[in-house]
Protein backbone atom coordinates (compact mmCIF):
# COMPACT_ATOMS: atom_id res chain seq x y z
CA MET A 1 24.02 1.55 -23.08
CA THR A 2 23.81 -0.71 -20.03
CA GLN A 3 26.85 -2.20 -18.42
CA VAL A 4 26.88 -5.73 -17.13
CA SER A 5 28.86 -6.33 -13.97
CA GLY A 6 30.88 -9.48 -13.50
CA SER A 7 29.32 -10.32 -10.13
CA ALA A 8 26.37 -12.66 -9.72
CA HIS A 9 23.25 -11.27 -8.10
CA THR A 10 21.03 -13.75 -6.29
CA TYR A 11 17.64 -13.67 -4.61
CA GLU A 12 19.30 -13.82 -1.18
CA ASP A 13 21.36 -10.72 -2.03
CA GLU A 14 18.16 -8.77 -2.60
CA PHE A 15 16.00 -10.36 0.11
CA ALA A 16 17.74 -11.54 3.27
CA ARG A 17 16.88 -15.14 4.09
CA HIS A 18 16.44 -14.50 7.83
CA LEU A 19 13.71 -11.89 7.15
CA GLY A 20 11.40 -14.27 5.28
CA PRO A 21 8.28 -15.89 6.75
CA PRO A 22 8.91 -17.04 10.32
CA PRO A 23 9.07 -20.79 10.93
CA VAL A 24 5.95 -22.53 12.17
CA LYS A 25 6.46 -24.56 15.35
CA ASN A 26 5.50 -28.22 15.27
CA TYR A 27 1.76 -28.90 15.57
CA THR A 28 0.78 -25.21 15.39
CA GLY A 29 0.27 -24.91 11.62
CA GLN A 30 -3.48 -25.61 11.67
CA LYS A 31 -4.02 -23.16 14.54
CA LEU A 32 -2.03 -20.52 12.65
CA HIS A 33 -3.95 -21.04 9.39
CA ASP A 34 -7.36 -21.09 11.11
CA SER A 35 -6.72 -17.82 12.93
CA THR A 36 -9.00 -15.10 11.53
CA THR A 37 -7.76 -12.24 13.69
CA PRO A 38 -6.71 -9.32 11.46
CA THR A 39 -3.11 -8.58 12.35
CA TYR A 40 -1.25 -7.03 9.40
CA THR A 41 -1.98 -4.34 6.85
CA VAL A 42 0.13 -4.49 3.71
CA GLU A 43 0.45 -1.78 1.09
CA LEU A 44 0.86 -3.21 -2.40
CA ASP A 45 1.31 -1.39 -5.67
CA ASN A 46 -1.04 -2.28 -8.51
CA GLY A 47 1.28 -4.80 -10.16
CA ALA A 48 2.05 -6.62 -6.91
CA PHE A 49 -1.65 -6.67 -6.03
CA TRP A 50 -2.58 -8.28 -9.36
CA ALA A 51 0.29 -10.80 -9.27
CA LEU A 52 -0.52 -11.90 -5.74
CA TRP A 53 -4.25 -12.05 -6.45
CA GLU A 54 -3.76 -14.25 -9.53
CA MET A 55 -1.47 -16.57 -7.58
CA LEU A 56 -3.96 -16.82 -4.70
CA GLU A 57 -6.86 -17.51 -7.06
CA SER A 58 -5.01 -20.32 -8.84
CA GLU A 59 -3.76 -21.91 -5.63
CA ALA A 60 -7.18 -21.65 -3.94
CA ARG A 61 -8.85 -23.21 -7.00
CA HIS A 62 -6.29 -26.02 -6.92
CA ARG A 63 -6.69 -26.64 -3.15
CA PHE A 64 -10.48 -26.12 -3.04
CA PRO A 65 -11.50 -29.80 -2.73
CA THR A 66 -9.57 -30.08 0.57
CA ARG A 67 -11.18 -27.03 2.20
CA GLY A 68 -13.03 -29.19 4.72
CA ILE A 69 -9.92 -30.82 6.12
CA MET A 70 -6.94 -28.59 5.32
CA ALA A 71 -6.51 -25.38 7.29
CA TYR A 72 -4.21 -23.78 4.72
CA ALA A 73 -6.85 -24.33 1.99
CA ARG A 74 -9.35 -22.39 4.10
CA ALA A 75 -6.72 -19.67 4.58
CA TYR A 76 -6.30 -19.39 0.79
CA LEU A 77 -10.06 -19.06 0.37
CA ARG A 78 -10.21 -16.29 3.00
CA ALA A 79 -7.39 -14.51 1.17
CA VAL A 80 -9.30 -14.73 -2.14
CA THR A 81 -12.38 -13.31 -0.42
CA ALA A 82 -10.32 -10.42 0.97
CA PHE A 83 -8.73 -9.60 -2.41
CA ARG A 84 -12.06 -9.75 -4.22
CA LYS A 85 -13.72 -7.57 -1.57
CA ALA A 86 -10.89 -5.04 -1.74
CA TYR A 87 -10.98 -4.71 -5.53
CA TRP A 88 -14.67 -5.11 -6.33
CA GLY A 89 -15.61 -2.88 -3.37
CA ALA A 90 -13.74 -0.01 -5.04
CA ASN A 91 -14.59 -0.79 -8.68
CA PRO A 92 -17.92 -1.56 -10.35
CA PRO A 93 -18.21 -5.29 -10.96
CA PRO A 94 -18.95 -6.48 -14.49
CA ALA A 95 -22.28 -8.06 -15.33
CA PRO A 96 -22.28 -11.83 -14.99
CA PRO A 97 -21.98 -13.66 -18.31
CA GLU A 98 -25.20 -14.87 -19.85
CA PRO A 99 -25.66 -18.63 -19.76
CA ARG A 100 -24.92 -20.35 -23.02
CA LYS A 101 -27.97 -21.58 -24.83
CA LEU A 102 -27.99 -25.15 -26.01
CA VAL A 103 -28.88 -25.36 -29.68
CA ARG A 104 -29.90 -28.75 -30.95
CA ARG A 105 -29.54 -29.44 -34.59
CA GLN A 106 -32.27 -31.30 -36.42
CA ARG A 107 -31.17 -34.00 -38.82
């Protein structure tokens, strides 16, 4: 049997606000997002890897039309490439789906 405590537990209790992503200085966002220098290695468990990958894929698909002008859209696309390379480099990729055949009905 689980006991429920009377105190509220918030996101900030679990993850300190001051340890989140650092602020981006004015007019440096594009330079930051266009930087391709590898700087951090992150270890993720399987569930976190899948959750982050799905989020990146959906956001990159949503932002894709602006890839030519928005630096953060290009950063999302590089992240998708990295996740796909990491997973499909270690696992055999599935065969591509066969194209659907158009069947015309005769009247």
